[in-house]
Amino acid sequence: MRAMTQRAFVDEKICSGCEACLSLCPTEAIKMQGDYAFVMALFCKGCGYCIEGCGEEAIRLLDYAPI
């Protein structure tokens, strides 16, 4: 059985593109994709720092099973 971990996910319908989360990510896993933030799952460690800085509550942690 594989261990579940968590990864950040940005809801692009809620994200305003303010970029506040970019500087909060210690692994630089968040980048801008057009007008909203996007989390590169490969680099996300699920720390949740980005969630604390998102004023729109557009970021949440989801369960993720590594392949």
PDB file of N, CA and C in Angstrom:
ATOM      1  N   MET A   1       0.839  -1.176   0.000  1.00  0.00           N
ATOM      2  CA  MET A   1       0.000   0.000   0.000  1.00  0.00           C
ATOM      3  C   MET A   1       0.887   1.243   0.000  1.00  0.00           C
ATOM      4  N   ARG A   2       0.523   2.208  -0.842  1.00  0.00           N
ATOM      5  CA  ARG A   2       1.287   3.445  -0.939  1.00  0.00           C
ATOM      6  C   ARG A   2       0.791   4.465   0.067  1.00  0.00           C
ATOM      7  N   ALA A   3       1.707   5.238   0.586  1.00  0.00           N
ATOM      8  CA  ALA A   3       1.349   6.282   1.536  1.00  0.00           C
ATOM      9  C   ALA A   3       0.707   7.461   0.810  1.00  0.00           C
ATOM     10  N   MET A   4      -0.338   8.005   1.407  1.00  0.00           N
ATOM     11  CA  MET A   4      -0.981   9.197   0.856  1.00  0.00           C
ATOM     12  C   MET A   4      -0.273  10.422   1.423  1.00  0.00           C
ATOM     13  N   THR A   5      -0.132  11.395   0.618  1.00  0.00           N
ATOM     14  CA  THR A   5       0.427  12.661   1.052  1.00  0.00           C
ATOM     15  C   THR A   5      -0.515  13.750   0.547  1.00  0.00           C
ATOM     16  N   GLN A   6      -0.206  14.984   0.814  1.00  0.00           N
ATOM     17  CA  GLN A   6      -1.060  16.063   0.355  1.00  0.00           C
ATOM     18  C   GLN A   6      -0.279  16.992  -0.554  1.00  0.00           C
ATOM     19  N   ARG A   7      -1.001  17.575  -1.494  1.00  0.00           N
ATOM     20  CA  ARG A   7      -0.436  18.541  -2.423  1.00  0.00           C
ATOM     21  C   ARG A   7      -1.411  19.697  -2.527  1.00  0.00           C
ATOM     22  N   ALA A   8      -0.866  20.889  -2.741  1.00  0.00           N
ATOM     23  CA  ALA A   8      -1.700  22.075  -2.914  1.00  0.00           C
ATOM     24  C   ALA A   8      -2.348  22.057  -4.289  1.00  0.00           C
ATOM     25  N   PHE A   9      -3.536  22.618  -4.353  1.00  0.00           N
ATOM     26  CA  PHE A   9      -4.288  22.727  -5.594  1.00  0.00           C
ATOM     27  C   PHE A   9      -4.914  24.116  -5.636  1.00  0.00           C
ATOM     28  N   VAL A  10      -4.804  24.794  -6.772  1.00  0.00           N
ATOM     29  CA  VAL A  10      -5.390  26.125  -6.946  1.00  0.00           C
ATOM     30  C   VAL A  10      -6.653  26.011  -7.781  1.00  0.00           C
ATOM     31  N   ASP A  11      -7.744  26.539  -7.261  1.00  0.00           N
ATOM     32  CA  ASP A  11      -8.989  26.599  -8.017  1.00  0.00           C
ATOM     33  C   ASP A  11      -8.935  27.861  -8.875  1.00  0.00           C
ATOM     34  N   GLU A  12      -8.726  27.700 -10.170  1.00  0.00           N
ATOM     35  CA  GLU A  12      -8.549  28.853 -11.060  1.00  0.00           C
ATOM     36  C   GLU A  12      -9.807  29.711 -11.184  1.00  0.00           C
ATOM     37  N   LYS A  13     -10.949  29.156 -10.814  1.00  0.00           N
ATOM     38  CA  LYS A  13     -12.182  29.940 -10.847  1.00  0.00           C
ATOM     39  C   LYS A  13     -12.249  30.940  -9.692  1.00  0.00           C
ATOM     40  N   ILE A  14     -11.487  30.682  -8.646  1.00  0.00           N
ATOM     41  CA  ILE A  14     -11.476  31.561  -7.471  1.00  0.00           C
ATOM     42  C   ILE A  14     -10.233  32.447  -7.447  1.00  0.00           C
ATOM     43  N   CYS A  15      -9.107  31.945  -7.934  1.00  0.00           N
ATOM     44  CA  CYS A  15      -7.822  32.665  -7.895  1.00  0.00           C
ATOM     45  C   CYS A  15      -7.920  33.998  -8.638  1.00  0.00           C
ATOM     46  N   SER A  16      -7.468  35.061  -7.965  1.00  0.00           N
ATOM     47  CA  SER A  16      -7.499  36.393  -8.590  1.00  0.00           C
ATOM     48  C   SER A  16      -6.192  36.736  -9.299  1.00  0.00           C
ATOM     49  N   GLY A  17      -5.185  35.873  -9.146  1.00  0.00           N
ATOM     50  CA  GLY A  17      -3.894  36.125  -9.778  1.00  0.00           C
ATOM     51  C   GLY A  17      -3.052  37.148  -9.048  1.00  0.00           C
ATOM     52  N   CYS A  18      -3.275  37.334  -7.755  1.00  0.00           N
ATOM     53  CA  CYS A  18      -2.561  38.360  -6.982  1.00  0.00           C
ATOM     54  C   CYS A  18      -1.082  38.029  -6.763  1.00  0.00           C
ATOM     55  N   GLU A  19      -0.699  36.767  -6.931  1.00  0.00           N
ATOM     56  CA  GLU A  19       0.674  36.280  -6.812  1.00  0.00           C
ATOM     57  C   GLU A  19       1.209  36.248  -5.382  1.00  0.00           C
ATOM     58  N   ALA A  20       0.361  36.435  -4.383  1.00  0.00           N
ATOM     59  CA  ALA A  20       0.815  36.408  -2.985  1.00  0.00           C
ATOM     60  C   ALA A  20       1.403  35.052  -2.606  1.00  0.00           C
ATOM     61  N   CYS A  21       0.867  33.984  -3.161  1.00  0.00           N
ATOM     62  CA  CYS A  21       1.321  32.636  -2.818  1.00  0.00           C
ATOM     63  C   CYS A  21       2.709  32.306  -3.378  1.00  0.00           C
ATOM     64  N   LEU A  22       3.104  32.970  -4.448  1.00  0.00           N
ATOM     65  CA  LEU A  22       4.373  32.643  -5.103  1.00  0.00           C
ATOM     66  C   LEU A  22       5.558  32.774  -4.155  1.00  0.00           C
ATOM     67  N   SER A  23       5.591  33.838  -3.399  1.00  0.00           N
ATOM     68  CA  SER A  23       6.734  34.074  -2.505  1.00  0.00           C
ATOM     69  C   SER A  23       6.663  33.239  -1.231  1.00  0.00           C
ATOM     70  N   LEU A  24       5.523  32.638  -0.943  1.00  0.00           N
ATOM     71  CA  LEU A  24       5.359  31.847   0.278  1.00  0.00           C
ATOM     72  C   LEU A  24       5.803  30.402   0.112  1.00  0.00           C
ATOM     73  N   CYS A  25       5.874  29.925  -1.104  1.00  0.00           N
ATOM     74  CA  CYS A  25       6.210  28.517  -1.353  1.00  0.00           C
ATOM     75  C   CYS A  25       7.716  28.286  -1.219  1.00  0.00           C
ATOM     76  N   PRO A  26       8.141  27.480  -0.225  1.00  0.00           N
ATOM     77  CA  PRO A  26       9.569  27.250  -0.035  1.00  0.00           C
ATOM     78  C   PRO A  26      10.223  26.414  -1.137  1.00  0.00           C
ATOM     79  N   THR A  27       9.423  25.682  -1.907  1.00  0.00           N
ATOM     80  CA  THR A  27       9.980  24.853  -2.979  1.00  0.00           C
ATOM     81  C   THR A  27       9.750  25.456  -4.360  1.00  0.00           C
ATOM     82  N   GLU A  28       9.175  26.673  -4.408  1.00  0.00           N
ATOM     83  CA  GLU A  28       8.891  27.364  -5.667  1.00  0.00           C
ATOM     84  C   GLU A  28       8.032  26.511  -6.601  1.00  0.00           C
ATOM     85  N   ALA A  29       7.075  25.783  -6.011  1.00  0.00           N
ATOM     86  CA  ALA A  29       6.202  24.906  -6.781  1.00  0.00           C
ATOM     87  C   ALA A  29       5.037  25.646  -7.413  1.00  0.00           C
ATOM     88  N   ILE A  30       4.844  26.918  -7.046  1.00  0.00           N
ATOM     89  CA  ILE A  30       3.722  27.680  -7.586  1.00  0.00           C
ATOM     90  C   ILE A  30       4.225  28.668  -8.624  1.00  0.00           C
ATOM     91  N   LYS A  31       3.613  28.620  -9.775  1.00  0.00           N
ATOM     92  CA  LYS A  31       3.943  29.518 -10.886  1.00  0.00           C
ATOM     93  C   LYS A  31       2.648  30.122 -11.410  1.00  0.00           C
ATOM     94  N   MET A  32       2.774  31.184 -12.141  1.00  0.00           N
ATOM     95  CA  MET A  32       1.603  31.774 -12.794  1.00  0.00           C
ATOM     96  C   MET A  32       1.384  31.081 -14.134  1.00  0.00           C
ATOM     97  N   GLN A  33       0.141  30.773 -14.408  1.00  0.00           N
ATOM     98  CA  GLN A  33      -0.254  30.183 -15.687  1.00  0.00           C
ATOM     99  C   GLN A  33      -1.385  31.051 -16.215  1.00  0.00           C
ATOM    100  N   GLY A  34      -1.046  31.981 -17.056  1.00  0.00           N
ATOM    101  CA  GLY A  34      -2.045  32.949 -17.500  1.00  0.00           C
ATOM    102  C   GLY A  34      -2.383  33.901 -16.374  1.00  0.00           C
ATOM    103  N   ASP A  35      -3.654  33.955 -16.026  1.00  0.00           N
ATOM    104  CA  ASP A  35      -4.122  34.894 -15.008  1.00  0.00           C
ATOM    105  C   ASP A  35      -4.261  34.296 -13.619  1.00  0.00           C
ATOM    106  N   TYR A  36      -3.844  33.048 -13.430  1.00  0.00           N
ATOM    107  CA  TYR A  36      -3.991  32.437 -12.112  1.00  0.00           C
ATOM    108  C   TYR A  36      -2.763  31.593 -11.756  1.00  0.00           C
ATOM    109  N   ALA A  37      -2.662  31.264 -10.473  1.00  0.00           N
ATOM    110  CA  ALA A  37      -1.543  30.459  -9.978  1.00  0.00           C
ATOM    111  C   ALA A  37      -1.774  28.987 -10.304  1.00  0.00           C
ATOM    112  N   PHE A  38      -0.686  28.265 -10.450  1.00  0.00           N
ATOM    113  CA  PHE A  38      -0.724  26.843 -10.770  1.00  0.00           C
ATOM    114  C   PHE A  38       0.326  26.140  -9.923  1.00  0.00           C
ATOM    115  N   VAL A  39      -0.022  25.003  -9.315  1.00  0.00           N
ATOM    116  CA  VAL A  39       0.914  24.250  -8.470  1.00  0.00           C
ATOM    117  C   VAL A  39       1.484  23.094  -9.271  1.00  0.00           C
ATOM    118  N   MET A  40       2.809  23.051  -9.338  1.00  0.00           N
ATOM    119  CA  MET A  40       3.501  21.931  -9.984  1.00  0.00           C
ATOM    120  C   MET A  40       3.631  20.819  -8.941  1.00  0.00           C
ATOM    121  N   ALA A  41       2.794  19.807  -9.059  1.00  0.00           N
ATOM    122  CA  ALA A  41       2.680  18.754  -8.048  1.00  0.00           C
ATOM    123  C   ALA A  41       4.011  18.062  -7.750  1.00  0.00           C
ATOM    124  N   LEU A  42       4.866  17.958  -8.722  1.00  0.00           N
ATOM    125  CA  LEU A  42       6.145  17.288  -8.527  1.00  0.00           C
ATOM    126  C   LEU A  42       6.998  17.971  -7.466  1.00  0.00           C
ATOM    127  N   PHE A  43       6.864  19.291  -7.346  1.00  0.00           N
ATOM    128  CA  PHE A  43       7.690  20.051  -6.411  1.00  0.00           C
ATOM    129  C   PHE A  43       6.979  20.388  -5.104  1.00  0.00           C
ATOM    130  N   CYS A  44       5.657  20.266  -5.063  1.00  0.00           N
ATOM    131  CA  CYS A  44       4.875  20.621  -3.873  1.00  0.00           C
ATOM    132  C   CYS A  44       5.100  19.584  -2.777  1.00  0.00           C
ATOM    133  N   LYS A  45       5.380  20.061  -1.578  1.00  0.00           N
ATOM    134  CA  LYS A  45       5.592  19.183  -0.428  1.00  0.00           C
ATOM    135  C   LYS A  45       4.405  19.172   0.527  1.00  0.00           C
ATOM    136  N   GLY A  46       3.346  19.915   0.198  1.00  0.00           N
ATOM    137  CA  GLY A  46       2.142  19.909   1.007  1.00  0.00           C
ATOM    138  C   GLY A  46       2.266  20.621   2.336  1.00  0.00           C
ATOM    139  N   CYS A  47       3.139  21.615   2.413  1.00  0.00           N
ATOM    140  CA  CYS A  47       3.370  22.316   3.681  1.00  0.00           C
ATOM    141  C   CYS A  47       2.221  23.242   4.074  1.00  0.00           C
ATOM    142  N   GLY A  48       1.481  23.767   3.081  1.00  0.00           N
ATOM    143  CA  GLY A  48       0.339  24.621   3.350  1.00  0.00           C
ATOM    144  C   GLY A  48       0.642  26.092   3.530  1.00  0.00           C
ATOM    145  N   TYR A  49       1.887  26.516   3.380  1.00  0.00           N
ATOM    146  CA  TYR A  49       2.216  27.941   3.529  1.00  0.00           C
ATOM    147  C   TYR A  49       1.440  28.799   2.528  1.00  0.00           C
ATOM    148  N   CYS A  50       1.233  28.291   1.337  1.00  0.00           N
ATOM    149  CA  CYS A  50       0.515  29.043   0.312  1.00  0.00           C
ATOM    150  C   CYS A  50      -0.938  29.287   0.708  1.00  0.00           C
ATOM    151  N   ILE A  51      -1.522  28.356   1.427  1.00  0.00           N
ATOM    152  CA  ILE A  51      -2.914  28.484   1.848  1.00  0.00           C
ATOM    153  C   ILE A  51      -3.071  29.663   2.796  1.00  0.00           C
ATOM    154  N   GLU A  52      -2.118  29.805   3.707  1.00  0.00           N
ATOM    155  CA  GLU A  52      -2.170  30.885   4.689  1.00  0.00           C
ATOM    156  C   GLU A  52      -2.119  32.257   4.030  1.00  0.00           C
ATOM    157  N   GLY A  53      -1.463  32.380   2.894  1.00  0.00           N
ATOM    158  CA  GLY A  53      -1.307  33.667   2.237  1.00  0.00           C
ATOM    159  C   GLY A  53      -2.343  33.974   1.177  1.00  0.00           C
ATOM    160  N   CYS A  54      -3.248  33.047   0.925  1.00  0.00           N
ATOM    161  CA  CYS A  54      -4.246  33.247  -0.128  1.00  0.00           C
ATOM    162  C   CYS A  54      -5.485  33.921   0.448  1.00  0.00           C
ATOM    163  N   GLY A  55      -5.665  35.179   0.117  1.00  0.00           N
ATOM    164  CA  GLY A  55      -6.806  35.930   0.605  1.00  0.00           C
ATOM    165  C   GLY A  55      -8.133  35.495   0.014  1.00  0.00           C
ATOM    166  N   GLU A  56      -8.109  34.833  -1.135  1.00  0.00           N
ATOM    167  CA  GLU A  56      -9.329  34.382  -1.797  1.00  0.00           C
ATOM    168  C   GLU A  56      -9.739  32.971  -1.397  1.00  0.00           C
ATOM    169  N   GLU A  57      -8.880  32.294  -0.619  1.00  0.00           N
ATOM    170  CA  GLU A  57      -9.102  30.895  -0.249  1.00  0.00           C
ATOM    171  C   GLU A  57      -9.237  30.008  -1.490  1.00  0.00           C
ATOM    172  N   ALA A  58      -8.395  30.289  -2.476  1.00  0.00           N
ATOM    173  CA  ALA A  58      -8.417  29.545  -3.736  1.00  0.00           C
ATOM    174  C   ALA A  58      -7.514  28.318  -3.708  1.00  0.00           C
ATOM    175  N   ILE A  59      -6.725  28.172  -2.645  1.00  0.00           N
ATOM    176  CA  ILE A  59      -5.781  27.055  -2.562  1.00  0.00           C
ATOM    177  C   ILE A  59      -6.201  26.129  -1.432  1.00  0.00           C
ATOM    178  N   ARG A  60      -6.149  24.834  -1.712  1.00  0.00           N
ATOM    179  CA  ARG A  60      -6.435  23.852  -0.667  1.00  0.00           C
ATOM    180  C   ARG A  60      -5.516  22.650  -0.862  1.00  0.00           C
ATOM    181  N   LEU A  61      -5.410  21.841   0.169  1.00  0.00           N
ATOM    182  CA  LEU A  61      -4.603  20.633   0.090  1.00  0.00           C
ATOM    183  C   LEU A  61      -5.502  19.461  -0.284  1.00  0.00           C
ATOM    184  N   LEU A  62      -5.048  18.677  -1.220  1.00  0.00           N
ATOM    185  CA  LEU A  62      -5.774  17.484  -1.656  1.00  0.00           C
ATOM    186  C   LEU A  62      -4.907  16.258  -1.405  1.00  0.00           C
ATOM    187  N   ASP A  63      -5.543  15.126  -1.102  1.00  0.00           N
ATOM    188  CA  ASP A  63      -4.796  13.878  -0.978  1.00  0.00           C
ATOM    189  C   ASP A  63      -4.226  13.499  -2.325  1.00  0.00           C
ATOM    190  N   TYR A  64      -3.020  12.971  -2.293  1.00  0.00           N
ATOM    191  CA  TYR A  64      -2.295  12.664  -3.520  1.00  0.00           C
ATOM    192  C   TYR A  64      -1.517  11.379  -3.303  1.00  0.00           C
ATOM    193  N   ALA A  65      -1.617  10.454  -4.207  1.00  0.00           N
ATOM    194  CA  ALA A  65      -0.877   9.192  -4.119  1.00  0.00           C
ATOM    195  C   ALA A  65       0.220   9.214  -5.182  1.00  0.00           C
ATOM    196  N   PRO A  66       1.486   9.285  -4.773  1.00  0.00           N
ATOM    197  CA  PRO A  66       2.572   9.269  -5.752  1.00  0.00           C
ATOM    198  C   PRO A  66       2.574   7.970  -6.553  1.00  0.00           C
ATOM    199  N   ILE A  67       2.921   8.092  -7.799  1.00  0.00           N
ATOM    200  CA  ILE A  67       2.980   6.911  -8.690  1.00  0.00           C
ATOM    201  C   ILE A  67       4.296   6.189  -8.475  1.00  0.00           C
TER     202      ILE A  67
END
